[in-house]
Amino acid sequence: MTARLFRHQLWTVGADTLPDAEPVGYAAECSVCRARSGECSTPEHADAWILAHVGGHPDHLTYRALTAQPRRTWRRSTG
């Protein structure tokens, strides 16, 4: 068996604002039937899906707005 010693380090997490970060994504989900839009590039596109969905299902009146924000972790400096 091999023993390994790892130094404890402090990590943090936050929004990924680097140039290679994934774009923020938006979607909508029907609270009644759990149907979900595809990934949208703007919240307005997700809202358009909601309006199209309610047009076909007039009794589906509640929805969830979903936002996917890219996150990144990094080691914090210790001094």
C-alpha atoms as a PDB file:
ATOM      1  CA  MET A   1       0.000   0.000   0.000  1.00  0.00           C
ATOM      2  CA  THR A   2       1.252   3.463  -0.873  1.00  0.00           C
ATOM      3  CA  ALA A   3       0.709   6.302   1.548  1.00  0.00           C
ATOM      4  CA  ARG A   4       0.201   9.832   0.262  1.00  0.00           C
ATOM      5  CA  LEU A   5       0.195  13.052   2.158  1.00  0.00           C
ATOM      6  CA  PHE A   6      -1.841  15.925   0.782  1.00  0.00           C
ATOM      7  CA  ARG A   7      -1.476  19.433   2.075  1.00  0.00           C
ATOM      8  CA  HIS A   8      -4.767  21.028   3.124  1.00  0.00           C
ATOM      9  CA  GLN A   9      -5.609  23.925   0.874  1.00  0.00           C
ATOM     10  CA  LEU A  10      -8.396  26.466   0.822  1.00  0.00           C
ATOM     11  CA  TRP A  11     -10.589  26.438  -2.262  1.00  0.00           C
ATOM     12  CA  THR A  12     -13.265  28.826  -3.403  1.00  0.00           C
ATOM     13  CA  VAL A  13     -15.962  28.752  -6.067  1.00  0.00           C
ATOM     14  CA  GLY A  14     -17.466  31.558  -8.080  1.00  0.00           C
ATOM     15  CA  ALA A  15     -18.765  32.664 -11.441  1.00  0.00           C
ATOM     16  CA  ASP A  16     -16.574  31.608 -14.370  1.00  0.00           C
ATOM     17  CA  THR A  17     -15.720  34.896 -16.069  1.00  0.00           C
ATOM     18  CA  LEU A  18     -12.710  33.659 -18.019  1.00  0.00           C
ATOM     19  CA  PRO A  19     -12.797  33.991 -21.818  1.00  0.00           C
ATOM     20  CA  ASP A  20     -13.197  30.208 -22.279  1.00  0.00           C
ATOM     21  CA  ALA A  21     -16.200  29.974 -19.925  1.00  0.00           C
ATOM     22  CA  GLU A  22     -19.360  28.339 -21.177  1.00  0.00           C
ATOM     23  CA  PRO A  23     -22.153  30.813 -21.938  1.00  0.00           C
ATOM     24  CA  VAL A  24     -24.974  31.360 -19.470  1.00  0.00           C
ATOM     25  CA  GLY A  25     -27.926  29.185 -20.462  1.00  0.00           C
ATOM     26  CA  TYR A  26     -31.633  29.628 -19.927  1.00  0.00           C
ATOM     27  CA  ALA A  27     -34.573  27.245 -20.033  1.00  0.00           C
ATOM     28  CA  ALA A  28     -38.153  26.943 -18.813  1.00  0.00           C
ATOM     29  CA  GLU A  29     -40.005  24.025 -17.293  1.00  0.00           C
ATOM     30  CA  CYS A  30     -43.740  23.455 -16.979  1.00  0.00           C
ATOM     31  CA  SER A  31     -44.598  22.819 -13.325  1.00  0.00           C
ATOM     32  CA  VAL A  32     -47.634  20.760 -14.314  1.00  0.00           C
ATOM     33  CA  CYS A  33     -46.244  18.198 -16.784  1.00  0.00           C
ATOM     34  CA  ARG A  34     -42.485  18.773 -16.351  1.00  0.00           C
ATOM     35  CA  ALA A  35     -42.021  19.474 -20.083  1.00  0.00           C
ATOM     36  CA  ARG A  36     -38.894  21.546 -20.612  1.00  0.00           C
ATOM     37  CA  SER A  37     -37.681  23.871 -23.296  1.00  0.00           C
ATOM     38  CA  GLY A  38     -34.337  23.241 -24.869  1.00  0.00           C
ATOM     39  CA  GLU A  39     -31.409  25.389 -23.833  1.00  0.00           C
ATOM     40  CA  CYS A  40     -32.020  29.007 -24.811  1.00  0.00           C
ATOM     41  CA  SER A  41     -29.522  31.815 -25.272  1.00  0.00           C
ATOM     42  CA  THR A  42     -31.749  34.444 -23.648  1.00  0.00           C
ATOM     43  CA  PRO A  43     -34.501  34.476 -21.020  1.00  0.00           C
ATOM     44  CA  GLU A  44     -36.853  35.886 -23.651  1.00  0.00           C
ATOM     45  CA  HIS A  45     -36.464  32.726 -25.762  1.00  0.00           C
ATOM     46  CA  ALA A  46     -37.383  30.630 -22.720  1.00  0.00           C
ATOM     47  CA  ASP A  47     -40.431  32.859 -22.170  1.00  0.00           C
ATOM     48  CA  ALA A  48     -41.438  32.326 -25.803  1.00  0.00           C
ATOM     49  CA  TRP A  49     -41.395  28.564 -25.179  1.00  0.00           C
ATOM     50  CA  ILE A  50     -43.700  29.092 -22.178  1.00  0.00           C
ATOM     51  CA  LEU A  51     -46.187  31.003 -24.311  1.00  0.00           C
ATOM     52  CA  ALA A  52     -46.105  28.305 -26.997  1.00  0.00           C
ATOM     53  CA  HIS A  53     -46.576  25.579 -24.378  1.00  0.00           C
ATOM     54  CA  VAL A  54     -49.521  27.264 -22.661  1.00  0.00           C
ATOM     55  CA  GLY A  55     -51.087  27.765 -26.085  1.00  0.00           C
ATOM     56  CA  GLY A  56     -51.308  23.996 -26.452  1.00  0.00           C
ATOM     57  CA  HIS A  57     -52.074  23.334 -22.773  1.00  0.00           C
ATOM     58  CA  PRO A  58     -54.316  26.143 -21.470  1.00  0.00           C
ATOM     59  CA  ASP A  59     -54.564  24.570 -18.017  1.00  0.00           C
ATOM     60  CA  HIS A  60     -50.738  24.606 -17.536  1.00  0.00           C
ATOM     61  CA  LEU A  61     -50.302  27.987 -15.857  1.00  0.00           C
ATOM     62  CA  THR A  62     -47.173  27.638 -13.698  1.00  0.00           C
ATOM     63  CA  TYR A  63     -43.562  27.406 -14.876  1.00  0.00           C
ATOM     64  CA  ARG A  64     -40.006  27.468 -13.597  1.00  0.00           C
ATOM     65  CA  ALA A  65     -37.349  29.750 -15.040  1.00  0.00           C
ATOM     66  CA  LEU A  66     -34.008  27.880 -15.106  1.00  0.00           C
ATOM     67  CA  THR A  67     -30.637  29.566 -15.410  1.00  0.00           C
ATOM     68  CA  ALA A  68     -27.332  27.733 -15.803  1.00  0.00           C
ATOM     69  CA  GLN A  69     -24.394  29.932 -14.858  1.00  0.00           C
ATOM     70  CA  PRO A  70     -20.913  28.496 -15.415  1.00  0.00           C
ATOM     71  CA  ARG A  71     -18.897  28.139 -12.217  1.00  0.00           C
ATOM     72  CA  ARG A  72     -15.183  27.681 -11.593  1.00  0.00           C
ATOM     73  CA  THR A  73     -13.109  26.631  -8.610  1.00  0.00           C
ATOM     74  CA  TRP A  74      -9.637  27.841  -7.694  1.00  0.00           C
ATOM     75  CA  ARG A  75      -7.185  27.591  -4.828  1.00  0.00           C
ATOM     76  CA  ARG A  76      -7.039  30.607  -2.575  1.00  0.00           C
ATOM     77  CA  SER A  77      -3.665  32.032  -1.743  1.00  0.00           C
ATOM     78  CA  THR A  78      -2.608  31.458   1.836  1.00  0.00           C
ATOM     79  CA  GLY A  79      -0.885  34.727   2.406  1.00  0.00           C
END
